[in-house]
Amino acid sequence: MTNDNSTQKPTIFKKIHNDGFTWHDSIFVITIIFLFLMFVTSAVSSTVLVLVELSIPKVQTDGFWSLFLMYASTIFSWLVFALYCSVIKYNRPIMKAITPQAKGNTLKMLLIGFLVGFGENALGVLMAALVGDIHLVYDSFQVIKLIAMFLAVFIQSSSEEFLCRAFLYQRLRKGYRSPWVAIIGNALIFMALHLFNPGVSIVPIIHLVVIAVFYSCFVYYFDSIWLPMMAHTAWNFTQNIIFGLPNSGIVSSFSIAKLEAATGRITFIYDPVFGVEGSAFLLIVTIVATVVVIVLGEKRGARSLNVWKSDKVL
């Protein structure tokens, strides 16, 4: 008597993982590879940054140059991860997610991303100013330097999105059936990347996870990584360069406005060390925005580009 395998219920392993799952699709292996690449990136960028600072003495005293180089040096994150994905055949499909092959990667989505990032951060700053948690004063407006800084911030912000919402997200989508493994998994690692920033506490930690889920939902429901790339850029540029406030604990040395005074204590709307993104107010705003995106996405029924289609995995 033989067993009819067609009538057997799938195992828990089969329910969790996609068909064709192998050891290198494991979330633990993916995390180890990610951390190794981050180590390589950090070593290369730190070395280059030190050499540049030694060769251009003015970067040590000029607020613009030091901040510009800090942001621009993250181009090595792009280079290391893009090179890895391009060289390792298994990971090449990931590059499709950052090209127009993903139908949501359009100029329209870039504009929406800018409005999302600028609008949410500016709302937090406006509320903090209205209730008296902060007081800003005009410093300077230097067009060329602002354009250069925007490009540098874009390099930094888009590199984090490439690492988390392209590399990590797509690798986890390949191995696991539920998209929420990729969404939550990359969000937790994104949060971990900021754990050693100045002023980290429970609210900023939660907010980092939520905003990563928020951005991941744009990838999953609207097939666009360009949108979170620009939203992330607009967020950082608005907080750090336009208003001169701490960005994830990093204080700007070059900005249009300067922080003249603050309460010096954490309030519902402002965190003096982590900035407005460390406030409970913007955490609630981001949670509401995330729910809205999920509801709209479920109604729309759209799903992200299956970069692994040729492998018949998802």
C-alpha atoms as a PDB file:
ATOM      1  CA  MET A   1       0.000   0.000   0.000  1.00  0.00           C
ATOM      2  CA  THR A   2       1.430   3.409  -0.977  1.00  0.00           C
ATOM      3  CA  ASN A   3       0.805   6.861   0.459  1.00  0.00           C
ATOM      4  CA  ASP A   4      -0.939   9.418  -1.717  1.00  0.00           C
ATOM      5  CA  ASN A   5       1.331  12.440  -1.276  1.00  0.00           C
ATOM      6  CA  SER A   6      -1.145  14.652  -3.115  1.00  0.00           C
ATOM      7  CA  THR A   7      -3.569  14.371  -0.196  1.00  0.00           C
ATOM      8  CA  GLN A   8      -1.012  15.092   2.504  1.00  0.00           C
ATOM      9  CA  LYS A   9      -1.265  18.420   4.263  1.00  0.00           C
ATOM     10  CA  PRO A  10       1.680  20.771   3.803  1.00  0.00           C
ATOM     11  CA  THR A  11       4.121  20.883   6.679  1.00  0.00           C
ATOM     12  CA  ILE A  12       4.679  24.017   8.774  1.00  0.00           C
ATOM     13  CA  PHE A  13       7.949  24.491   6.871  1.00  0.00           C
ATOM     14  CA  LYS A  14       6.075  24.476   3.556  1.00  0.00           C
ATOM     15  CA  LYS A  15       3.471  26.890   4.909  1.00  0.00           C
ATOM     16  CA  ILE A  16       6.157  29.367   5.952  1.00  0.00           C
ATOM     17  CA  HIS A  17       8.632  29.083   3.083  1.00  0.00           C
ATOM     18  CA  ASN A  18       8.282  29.376  -0.669  1.00  0.00           C
ATOM     19  CA  ASP A  19       8.901  26.424  -2.958  1.00  0.00           C
ATOM     20  CA  GLY A  20      12.567  26.078  -3.794  1.00  0.00           C
ATOM     21  CA  PHE A  21      13.651  27.482  -0.399  1.00  0.00           C
ATOM     22  CA  THR A  22      17.339  26.839   0.286  1.00  0.00           C
ATOM     23  CA  TRP A  23      19.674  27.562   3.177  1.00  0.00           C
ATOM     24  CA  HIS A  24      20.791  30.909   1.738  1.00  0.00           C
ATOM     25  CA  ASP A  25      17.137  32.069   1.767  1.00  0.00           C
ATOM     26  CA  SER A  26      17.094  31.838   5.558  1.00  0.00           C
ATOM     27  CA  ILE A  27      16.485  35.104   7.368  1.00  0.00           C
ATOM     28  CA  PHE A  28      19.528  34.370   9.555  1.00  0.00           C
ATOM     29  CA  VAL A  29      21.858  33.855   6.582  1.00  0.00           C
ATOM     30  CA  ILE A  30      20.474  36.945   4.846  1.00  0.00           C
ATOM     31  CA  THR A  31      21.073  38.996   8.009  1.00  0.00           C
ATOM     32  CA  ILE A  32      24.654  37.744   8.319  1.00  0.00           C
ATOM     33  CA  ILE A  33      25.373  38.614   4.679  1.00  0.00           C
ATOM     34  CA  PHE A  34      23.785  42.034   5.177  1.00  0.00           C
ATOM     35  CA  LEU A  35      25.882  42.749   8.281  1.00  0.00           C
ATOM     36  CA  PHE A  36      29.062  41.627   6.525  1.00  0.00           C
ATOM     37  CA  LEU A  37      28.368  43.937   3.583  1.00  0.00           C
ATOM     38  CA  MET A  38      27.614  46.753   6.033  1.00  0.00           C
ATOM     39  CA  PHE A  39      30.987  46.115   7.703  1.00  0.00           C
ATOM     40  CA  VAL A  40      32.760  46.307   4.326  1.00  0.00           C
ATOM     41  CA  THR A  41      30.846  49.480   3.466  1.00  0.00           C
ATOM     42  CA  SER A  42      31.703  51.098   6.799  1.00  0.00           C
ATOM     43  CA  ALA A  43      35.400  50.222   6.483  1.00  0.00           C
ATOM     44  CA  VAL A  44      35.672  51.602   2.946  1.00  0.00           C
ATOM     45  CA  SER A  45      33.670  54.785   3.551  1.00  0.00           C
ATOM     46  CA  SER A  46      35.451  55.554   6.840  1.00  0.00           C
ATOM     47  CA  THR A  47      38.858  55.158   5.213  1.00  0.00           C
ATOM     48  CA  VAL A  48      37.961  57.351   2.243  1.00  0.00           C
ATOM     49  CA  LEU A  49      36.368  59.963   4.516  1.00  0.00           C
ATOM     50  CA  VAL A  50      39.494  60.213   6.676  1.00  0.00           C
ATOM     51  CA  LEU A  51      41.719  60.550   3.607  1.00  0.00           C
ATOM     52  CA  VAL A  52      39.510  63.290   2.164  1.00  0.00           C
ATOM     53  CA  GLU A  53      39.411  65.191   5.451  1.00  0.00           C
ATOM     54  CA  LEU A  54      43.193  65.022   5.706  1.00  0.00           C
ATOM     55  CA  SER A  55      43.660  66.254   2.146  1.00  0.00           C
ATOM     56  CA  ILE A  56      41.114  69.081   2.465  1.00  0.00           C
ATOM     57  CA  PRO A  57      41.753  70.750   5.862  1.00  0.00           C
ATOM     58  CA  LYS A  58      38.802  73.117   5.522  1.00  0.00           C
ATOM     59  CA  VAL A  59      36.321  70.294   6.014  1.00  0.00           C
ATOM     60  CA  GLN A  60      37.350  70.302   9.656  1.00  0.00           C
ATOM     61  CA  THR A  61      36.069  73.831  10.190  1.00  0.00           C
ATOM     62  CA  ASP A  62      33.484  74.364   7.470  1.00  0.00           C
ATOM     63  CA  GLY A  63      30.051  73.133   8.590  1.00  0.00           C
ATOM     64  CA  PHE A  64      28.886  72.565   5.035  1.00  0.00           C
ATOM     65  CA  TRP A  65      31.786  70.378   3.951  1.00  0.00           C
ATOM     66  CA  SER A  66      31.803  68.141   6.990  1.00  0.00           C
ATOM     67  CA  LEU A  67      28.056  67.498   6.721  1.00  0.00           C
ATOM     68  CA  PHE A  68      28.208  67.122   2.936  1.00  0.00           C
ATOM     69  CA  LEU A  69      30.985  64.543   3.168  1.00  0.00           C
ATOM     70  CA  MET A  70      29.168  62.629   5.904  1.00  0.00           C
ATOM     71  CA  TYR A  71      26.097  62.235   3.688  1.00  0.00           C
ATOM     72  CA  ALA A  72      27.965  61.773   0.385  1.00  0.00           C
ATOM     73  CA  SER A  73      30.276  59.073   1.775  1.00  0.00           C
ATOM     74  CA  THR A  74      27.276  56.729   1.938  1.00  0.00           C
ATOM     75  CA  ILE A  75      27.626  56.302  -1.820  1.00  0.00           C
ATOM     76  CA  PHE A  76      29.816  53.347  -0.879  1.00  0.00           C
ATOM     77  CA  SER A  77      26.714  51.623   0.489  1.00  0.00           C
ATOM     78  CA  TRP A  78      25.240  51.867  -2.998  1.00  0.00           C
ATOM     79  CA  LEU A  79      28.455  50.657  -4.618  1.00  0.00           C
ATOM     80  CA  VAL A  80      29.090  47.689  -2.316  1.00  0.00           C
ATOM     81  CA  PHE A  81      25.526  46.336  -2.349  1.00  0.00           C
ATOM     82  CA  ALA A  82      24.964  47.018  -6.065  1.00  0.00           C
ATOM     83  CA  LEU A  83      28.272  45.306  -6.884  1.00  0.00           C
ATOM     84  CA  TYR A  84      27.331  42.320  -4.711  1.00  0.00           C
ATOM     85  CA  CYS A  85      23.919  42.000  -6.368  1.00  0.00           C
ATOM     86  CA  SER A  86      25.435  42.334  -9.835  1.00  0.00           C
ATOM     87  CA  VAL A  87      28.315  39.884  -9.308  1.00  0.00           C
ATOM     88  CA  ILE A  88      26.379  37.199  -7.443  1.00  0.00           C
ATOM     89  CA  LYS A  89      24.042  35.812 -10.086  1.00  0.00           C
ATOM     90  CA  TYR A  90      21.543  34.630  -7.478  1.00  0.00           C
ATOM     91  CA  ASN A  91      20.906  38.245  -6.389  1.00  0.00           C
ATOM     92  CA  ARG A  92      20.847  39.969  -9.782  1.00  0.00           C
ATOM     93  CA  PRO A  93      17.021  40.073 -10.003  1.00  0.00           C
ATOM     94  CA  ILE A  94      16.992  42.495  -7.046  1.00  0.00           C
ATOM     95  CA  MET A  95      18.269  45.256  -9.323  1.00  0.00           C
ATOM     96  CA  LYS A  96      14.960  45.136 -11.244  1.00  0.00           C
ATOM     97  CA  ALA A  97      13.213  46.651  -8.214  1.00  0.00           C
ATOM     98  CA  ILE A  98      15.086  49.958  -8.514  1.00  0.00           C
ATOM     99  CA  THR A  99      14.501  50.397 -12.253  1.00  0.00           C
ATOM    100  CA  PRO A 100      11.379  51.436 -14.215  1.00  0.00           C
ATOM    101  CA  GLN A 101      10.650  47.708 -14.590  1.00  0.00           C
ATOM    102  CA  ALA A 102       8.792  48.220 -11.339  1.00  0.00           C
ATOM    103  CA  LYS A 103       5.686  50.016 -12.605  1.00  0.00           C
ATOM    104  CA  GLY A 104       5.499  52.304  -9.572  1.00  0.00           C
ATOM    105  CA  ASN A 105       8.960  53.745 -10.169  1.00  0.00           C
ATOM    106  CA  THR A 106       7.776  56.912 -11.913  1.00  0.00           C
ATOM    107  CA  LEU A 107       8.297  60.666 -11.686  1.00  0.00           C
ATOM    108  CA  LYS A 108       4.803  60.909 -10.193  1.00  0.00           C
ATOM    109  CA  MET A 109       5.820  58.626  -7.339  1.00  0.00           C
ATOM    110  CA  LEU A 110       8.984  60.663  -6.791  1.00  0.00           C
ATOM    111  CA  LEU A 111       6.835  63.778  -6.382  1.00  0.00           C
ATOM    112  CA  ILE A 112       4.432  62.014  -4.025  1.00  0.00           C
ATOM    113  CA  GLY A 113       7.422  60.767  -2.050  1.00  0.00           C
ATOM    114  CA  PHE A 114       8.771  64.295  -1.708  1.00  0.00           C
ATOM    115  CA  LEU A 115       5.390  65.557  -0.481  1.00  0.00           C
ATOM    116  CA  VAL A 116       5.079  62.678   1.995  1.00  0.00           C
ATOM    117  CA  GLY A 117       8.541  63.204   3.483  1.00  0.00           C
ATOM    118  CA  PHE A 118       8.417  66.991   3.523  1.00  0.00           C
ATOM    119  CA  GLY A 119       4.789  67.208   4.643  1.00  0.00           C
ATOM    120  CA  GLU A 120       5.051  64.862   7.619  1.00  0.00           C
ATOM    121  CA  ASN A 121       8.317  66.326   8.920  1.00  0.00           C
ATOM    122  CA  ALA A 122       7.241  69.930   8.366  1.00  0.00           C
ATOM    123  CA  LEU A 123       4.016  69.182  10.261  1.00  0.00           C
ATOM    124  CA  GLY A 124       6.046  68.011  13.242  1.00  0.00           C
ATOM    125  CA  VAL A 125       8.273  71.090  13.135  1.00  0.00           C
ATOM    126  CA  LEU A 126       5.272  73.424  12.779  1.00  0.00           C
ATOM    127  CA  MET A 127       3.516  71.880  15.780  1.00  0.00           C
ATOM    128  CA  ALA A 128       6.681  72.022  17.883  1.00  0.00           C
ATOM    129  CA  ALA A 129       7.097  75.713  17.014  1.00  0.00           C
ATOM    130  CA  LEU A 130       3.435  76.555  17.681  1.00  0.00           C
ATOM    131  CA  VAL A 131       3.438  75.041  21.171  1.00  0.00           C
ATOM    132  CA  GLY A 132       6.764  76.685  21.986  1.00  0.00           C
ATOM    133  CA  ASP A 133       8.921  73.545  22.192  1.00  0.00           C
ATOM    134  CA  ILE A 134      11.385  75.082  19.733  1.00  0.00           C
ATOM    135  CA  HIS A 135      12.247  78.495  18.353  1.00  0.00           C
ATOM    136  CA  LEU A 136      13.931  78.765  14.954  1.00  0.00           C
ATOM    137  CA  VAL A 137      15.768  81.699  13.400  1.00  0.00           C
ATOM    138  CA  TYR A 138      16.890  82.286   9.799  1.00  0.00           C
ATOM    139  CA  ASP A 139      20.570  81.612   9.159  1.00  0.00           C
ATOM    140  CA  SER A 140      21.375  81.650   5.426  1.00  0.00           C
ATOM    141  CA  PHE A 141      20.197  80.535   1.987  1.00  0.00           C
ATOM    142  CA  GLN A 142      22.994  79.414  -0.350  1.00  0.00           C
ATOM    143  CA  VAL A 143      21.447  77.901  -3.472  1.00  0.00           C
ATOM    144  CA  ILE A 144      24.457  75.989  -4.836  1.00  0.00           C
ATOM    145  CA  LYS A 145      25.300  74.478  -1.481  1.00  0.00           C
ATOM    146  CA  LEU A 146      21.655  73.576  -0.850  1.00  0.00           C
ATOM    147  CA  ILE A 147      21.424  71.755  -4.199  1.00  0.00           C
ATOM    148  CA  ALA A 148      24.676  69.923  -3.493  1.00  0.00           C
ATOM    149  CA  MET A 149      23.440  69.008  -0.026  1.00  0.00           C
ATOM    150  CA  PHE A 150      20.113  67.746  -1.381  1.00  0.00           C
ATOM    151  CA  LEU A 151      22.004  65.429  -3.757  1.00  0.00           C
ATOM    152  CA  ALA A 152      24.196  64.215  -0.885  1.00  0.00           C
ATOM    153  CA  VAL A 153      21.168  63.590   1.327  1.00  0.00           C
ATOM    154  CA  PHE A 154      19.518  61.721  -1.554  1.00  0.00           C
ATOM    155  CA  ILE A 155      22.561  59.459  -1.835  1.00  0.00           C
ATOM    156  CA  GLN A 156      22.399  58.691   1.876  1.00  0.00           C
ATOM    157  CA  SER A 157      18.638  58.232   2.125  1.00  0.00           C
ATOM    158  CA  SER A 158      18.237  56.244  -1.089  1.00  0.00           C
ATOM    159  CA  SER A 159      21.126  53.978  -0.077  1.00  0.00           C
ATOM    160  CA  GLU A 160      19.288  53.034   3.125  1.00  0.00           C
ATOM    161  CA  GLU A 161      16.168  52.340   1.074  1.00  0.00           C
ATOM    162  CA  PHE A 162      18.171  50.249  -1.396  1.00  0.00           C
ATOM    163  CA  LEU A 163      19.704  48.232   1.443  1.00  0.00           C
ATOM    164  CA  CYS A 164      16.463  47.685   3.353  1.00  0.00           C
ATOM    165  CA  ARG A 165      13.524  48.069   0.940  1.00  0.00           C
ATOM    166  CA  ALA A 166      15.302  46.481  -2.053  1.00  0.00           C
ATOM    167  CA  PHE A 167      18.019  44.067  -0.926  1.00  0.00           C
ATOM    168  CA  LEU A 168      16.572  42.850   2.392  1.00  0.00           C
ATOM    169  CA  TYR A 169      12.938  43.095   1.336  1.00  0.00           C
ATOM    170  CA  GLN A 170      13.409  41.199  -1.931  1.00  0.00           C
ATOM    171  CA  ARG A 171      15.669  38.525  -0.425  1.00  0.00           C
ATOM    172  CA  LEU A 172      13.100  37.848   2.295  1.00  0.00           C
ATOM    173  CA  ARG A 173      10.266  37.814  -0.255  1.00  0.00           C
ATOM    174  CA  LYS A 174      12.104  35.071  -2.114  1.00  0.00           C
ATOM    175  CA  GLY A 175      12.273  32.741   0.840  1.00  0.00           C
ATOM    176  CA  TYR A 176       9.040  33.345   2.744  1.00  0.00           C
ATOM    177  CA  ARG A 177       5.408  33.107   1.633  1.00  0.00           C
ATOM    178  CA  SER A 178       4.038  35.910   3.774  1.00  0.00           C
ATOM    179  CA  PRO A 179       5.036  39.401   2.578  1.00  0.00           C
ATOM    180  CA  TRP A 180       4.960  40.505   6.199  1.00  0.00           C
ATOM    181  CA  VAL A 181       8.151  38.556   6.888  1.00  0.00           C
ATOM    182  CA  ALA A 182       9.889  40.860   4.395  1.00  0.00           C
ATOM    183  CA  ILE A 183       8.058  43.973   5.602  1.00  0.00           C
ATOM    184  CA  ILE A 184       8.632  43.440   9.328  1.00  0.00           C
ATOM    185  CA  GLY A 185      12.035  41.802   8.883  1.00  0.00           C
ATOM    186  CA  ASN A 186      13.617  44.683   6.974  1.00  0.00           C
ATOM    187  CA  ALA A 187      11.943  47.179   9.331  1.00  0.00           C
ATOM    188  CA  LEU A 188      13.566  45.606  12.390  1.00  0.00           C
ATOM    189  CA  ILE A 189      16.998  45.625  10.776  1.00  0.00           C
ATOM    190  CA  PHE A 190      16.481  49.228   9.629  1.00  0.00           C
ATOM    191  CA  MET A 191      15.713  50.145  13.235  1.00  0.00           C
ATOM    192  CA  ALA A 192      18.801  48.271  14.447  1.00  0.00           C
ATOM    193  CA  LEU A 193      21.008  50.366  12.148  1.00  0.00           C
ATOM    194  CA  HIS A 194      20.028  53.426  14.224  1.00  0.00           C
ATOM    195  CA  LEU A 195      20.334  51.899  17.704  1.00  0.00           C
ATOM    196  CA  PHE A 196      23.616  53.634  18.456  1.00  0.00           C
ATOM    197  CA  ASN A 197      22.500  57.088  17.315  1.00  0.00           C
ATOM    198  CA  PRO A 198      22.468  59.794  20.004  1.00  0.00           C
ATOM    199  CA  GLY A 199      19.218  60.094  21.960  1.00  0.00           C
ATOM    200  CA  VAL A 200      17.773  56.690  21.096  1.00  0.00           C
ATOM    201  CA  SER A 201      14.886  55.753  23.396  1.00  0.00           C
ATOM    202  CA  ILE A 202      11.699  53.718  23.230  1.00  0.00           C
ATOM    203  CA  VAL A 203       9.623  56.186  21.156  1.00  0.00           C
ATOM    204  CA  PRO A 204      12.293  56.716  18.441  1.00  0.00           C
ATOM    205  CA  ILE A 205      12.860  52.948  18.277  1.00  0.00           C
ATOM    206  CA  ILE A 206       9.152  52.279  17.733  1.00  0.00           C
ATOM    207  CA  HIS A 207       8.929  55.122  15.218  1.00  0.00           C
ATOM    208  CA  LEU A 208      11.867  53.758  13.210  1.00  0.00           C
ATOM    209  CA  VAL A 209      10.120  50.390  12.916  1.00  0.00           C
ATOM    210  CA  VAL A 210       6.773  51.975  11.986  1.00  0.00           C
ATOM    211  CA  ILE A 211       8.209  54.296   9.359  1.00  0.00           C
ATOM    212  CA  ALA A 212      10.136  51.376   7.826  1.00  0.00           C
ATOM    213  CA  VAL A 213       6.868  49.421   7.622  1.00  0.00           C
ATOM    214  CA  PHE A 214       5.247  52.538   6.128  1.00  0.00           C
ATOM    215  CA  TYR A 215       7.891  52.726   3.398  1.00  0.00           C
ATOM    216  CA  SER A 216       7.795  48.957   2.808  1.00  0.00           C
ATOM    217  CA  CYS A 217       4.049  49.133   2.196  1.00  0.00           C
ATOM    218  CA  PHE A 218       4.685  51.517  -0.691  1.00  0.00           C
ATOM    219  CA  VAL A 219       6.979  48.885  -2.181  1.00  0.00           C
ATOM    220  CA  TYR A 220       4.529  46.045  -1.598  1.00  0.00           C
ATOM    221  CA  TYR A 221       1.241  47.708  -2.521  1.00  0.00           C
ATOM    222  CA  PHE A 222       2.348  50.296  -5.067  1.00  0.00           C
ATOM    223  CA  ASP A 223       5.409  48.651  -6.618  1.00  0.00           C
ATOM    224  CA  SER A 224       7.590  51.674  -5.974  1.00  0.00           C
ATOM    225  CA  ILE A 225      10.882  52.011  -4.159  1.00  0.00           C
ATOM    226  CA  TRP A 226      11.411  55.425  -5.740  1.00  0.00           C
ATOM    227  CA  LEU A 227       8.638  56.824  -3.543  1.00  0.00           C
ATOM    228  CA  PRO A 228      10.252  55.841  -0.201  1.00  0.00           C
ATOM    229  CA  MET A 229      13.663  56.864  -1.544  1.00  0.00           C
ATOM    230  CA  MET A 230      12.381  60.397  -2.131  1.00  0.00           C
ATOM    231  CA  ALA A 231      10.232  60.437   1.020  1.00  0.00           C
ATOM    232  CA  HIS A 232      13.272  59.462   3.092  1.00  0.00           C
ATOM    233  CA  THR A 233      15.354  62.137   1.349  1.00  0.00           C
ATOM    234  CA  ALA A 234      12.741  64.848   1.853  1.00  0.00           C
ATOM    235  CA  TRP A 235      12.342  63.863   5.505  1.00  0.00           C
ATOM    236  CA  ASN A 236      16.072  64.102   6.269  1.00  0.00           C
ATOM    237  CA  PHE A 237      16.591  67.240   4.178  1.00  0.00           C
ATOM    238  CA  THR A 238      13.625  69.010   5.760  1.00  0.00           C
ATOM    239  CA  GLN A 239      14.596  68.249   9.329  1.00  0.00           C
ATOM    240  CA  ASN A 240      18.373  68.561   9.044  1.00  0.00           C
ATOM    241  CA  ILE A 241      19.039  71.083   6.259  1.00  0.00           C
ATOM    242  CA  ILE A 242      15.940  73.294   6.090  1.00  0.00           C
ATOM    243  CA  PHE A 243      15.150  73.582   9.794  1.00  0.00           C
ATOM    244  CA  GLY A 244      18.543  72.693  11.285  1.00  0.00           C
ATOM    245  CA  LEU A 245      17.100  70.196  13.769  1.00  0.00           C
ATOM    246  CA  PRO A 246      18.636  66.893  14.903  1.00  0.00           C
ATOM    247  CA  ASN A 247      18.040  64.106  12.399  1.00  0.00           C
ATOM    248  CA  SER A 248      17.968  60.748  14.194  1.00  0.00           C
ATOM    249  CA  GLY A 249      20.225  62.355  16.773  1.00  0.00           C
ATOM    250  CA  ILE A 250      22.647  63.828  14.200  1.00  0.00           C
ATOM    251  CA  VAL A 251      22.893  67.611  14.544  1.00  0.00           C
ATOM    252  CA  SER A 252      23.240  69.674  11.369  1.00  0.00           C
ATOM    253  CA  SER A 253      26.220  72.014  10.976  1.00  0.00           C
ATOM    254  CA  PHE A 254      24.699  73.637   7.858  1.00  0.00           C
ATOM    255  CA  SER A 255      21.069  74.684   7.395  1.00  0.00           C
ATOM    256  CA  ILE A 256      18.698  77.429   6.296  1.00  0.00           C
ATOM    257  CA  ALA A 257      17.315  77.878   9.794  1.00  0.00           C
ATOM    258  CA  LYS A 258      18.970  77.366  13.154  1.00  0.00           C
ATOM    259  CA  LEU A 259      17.551  76.184  16.443  1.00  0.00           C
ATOM    260  CA  GLU A 260      17.769  79.209  18.741  1.00  0.00           C
ATOM    261  CA  ALA A 261      16.026  77.704  21.732  1.00  0.00           C
ATOM    262  CA  ALA A 262      14.255  74.531  22.824  1.00  0.00           C
ATOM    263  CA  THR A 263      12.551  73.262  25.945  1.00  0.00           C
ATOM    264  CA  GLY A 264      15.501  70.993  26.666  1.00  0.00           C
ATOM    265  CA  ARG A 265      13.168  68.153  27.615  1.00  0.00           C
ATOM    266  CA  ILE A 266      11.251  65.503  25.744  1.00  0.00           C
ATOM    267  CA  THR A 267       7.669  66.534  25.096  1.00  0.00           C
ATOM    268  CA  PHE A 268       4.743  65.010  23.221  1.00  0.00           C
ATOM    269  CA  ILE A 269       5.800  66.870  20.069  1.00  0.00           C
ATOM    270  CA  TYR A 270       9.579  67.265  20.305  1.00  0.00           C
ATOM    271  CA  ASP A 271      12.681  65.340  21.406  1.00  0.00           C
ATOM    272  CA  PRO A 272      15.633  67.750  21.882  1.00  0.00           C
ATOM    273  CA  VAL A 273      18.194  65.061  20.991  1.00  0.00           C
ATOM    274  CA  PHE A 274      16.460  62.908  18.366  1.00  0.00           C
ATOM    275  CA  GLY A 275      14.381  65.687  16.798  1.00  0.00           C
ATOM    276  CA  VAL A 276      10.691  65.743  15.891  1.00  0.00           C
ATOM    277  CA  GLU A 277      10.913  62.139  14.667  1.00  0.00           C
ATOM    278  CA  GLY A 278      11.528  61.130  18.264  1.00  0.00           C
ATOM    279  CA  SER A 279       8.150  62.508  19.346  1.00  0.00           C
ATOM    280  CA  ALA A 280       4.995  60.587  20.161  1.00  0.00           C
ATOM    281  CA  PHE A 281       3.082  63.036  17.956  1.00  0.00           C
ATOM    282  CA  LEU A 282       4.857  62.087  14.717  1.00  0.00           C
ATOM    283  CA  LEU A 283       4.768  58.425  15.740  1.00  0.00           C
ATOM    284  CA  ILE A 284       0.965  58.621  15.801  1.00  0.00           C
ATOM    285  CA  VAL A 285       0.939  60.496  12.474  1.00  0.00           C
ATOM    286  CA  THR A 286       3.086  57.782  10.880  1.00  0.00           C
ATOM    287  CA  ILE A 287       0.919  54.986  12.293  1.00  0.00           C
ATOM    288  CA  VAL A 288      -2.205  56.629  10.841  1.00  0.00           C
ATOM    289  CA  ALA A 289      -0.462  57.155   7.475  1.00  0.00           C
ATOM    290  CA  THR A 290       0.636  53.511   7.430  1.00  0.00           C
ATOM    291  CA  VAL A 291      -2.893  52.284   8.092  1.00  0.00           C
ATOM    292  CA  VAL A 292      -4.181  54.502   5.271  1.00  0.00           C
ATOM    293  CA  VAL A 293      -1.613  53.067   2.825  1.00  0.00           C
ATOM    294  CA  ILE A 294      -2.486  49.500   3.837  1.00  0.00           C
ATOM    295  CA  VAL A 295      -6.237  50.121   3.452  1.00  0.00           C
ATOM    296  CA  LEU A 296      -5.755  51.774   0.058  1.00  0.00           C
ATOM    297  CA  GLY A 297      -3.365  49.035  -0.987  1.00  0.00           C
ATOM    298  CA  GLU A 298      -5.760  46.259  -0.038  1.00  0.00           C
ATOM    299  CA  LYS A 299      -8.556  47.911  -1.994  1.00  0.00           C
ATOM    300  CA  ARG A 300      -6.277  48.494  -4.970  1.00  0.00           C
ATOM    301  CA  GLY A 301      -5.109  44.929  -4.890  1.00  0.00           C
ATOM    302  CA  ALA A 302      -1.713  45.816  -6.346  1.00  0.00           C
ATOM    303  CA  ARG A 303       1.406  43.879  -5.461  1.00  0.00           C
ATOM    304  CA  SER A 304       5.085  44.587  -5.881  1.00  0.00           C
ATOM    305  CA  LEU A 305       7.131  43.478  -8.862  1.00  0.00           C
ATOM    306  CA  ASN A 306       8.007  39.789  -8.646  1.00  0.00           C
ATOM    307  CA  VAL A 307      11.722  40.116  -9.335  1.00  0.00           C
ATOM    308  CA  TRP A 308      12.091  36.348  -8.935  1.00  0.00           C
ATOM    309  CA  LYS A 309       9.476  35.493 -11.571  1.00  0.00           C
ATOM    310  CA  SER A 310      11.966  33.705 -13.781  1.00  0.00           C
ATOM    311  CA  ASP A 311      12.815  31.461 -10.827  1.00  0.00           C
ATOM    312  CA  LYS A 312       9.127  30.624 -10.278  1.00  0.00           C
ATOM    313  CA  VAL A 313       9.489  31.090  -6.550  1.00  0.00           C
ATOM    314  CA  LEU A 314       6.669  33.432  -5.511  1.00  0.00           C
END
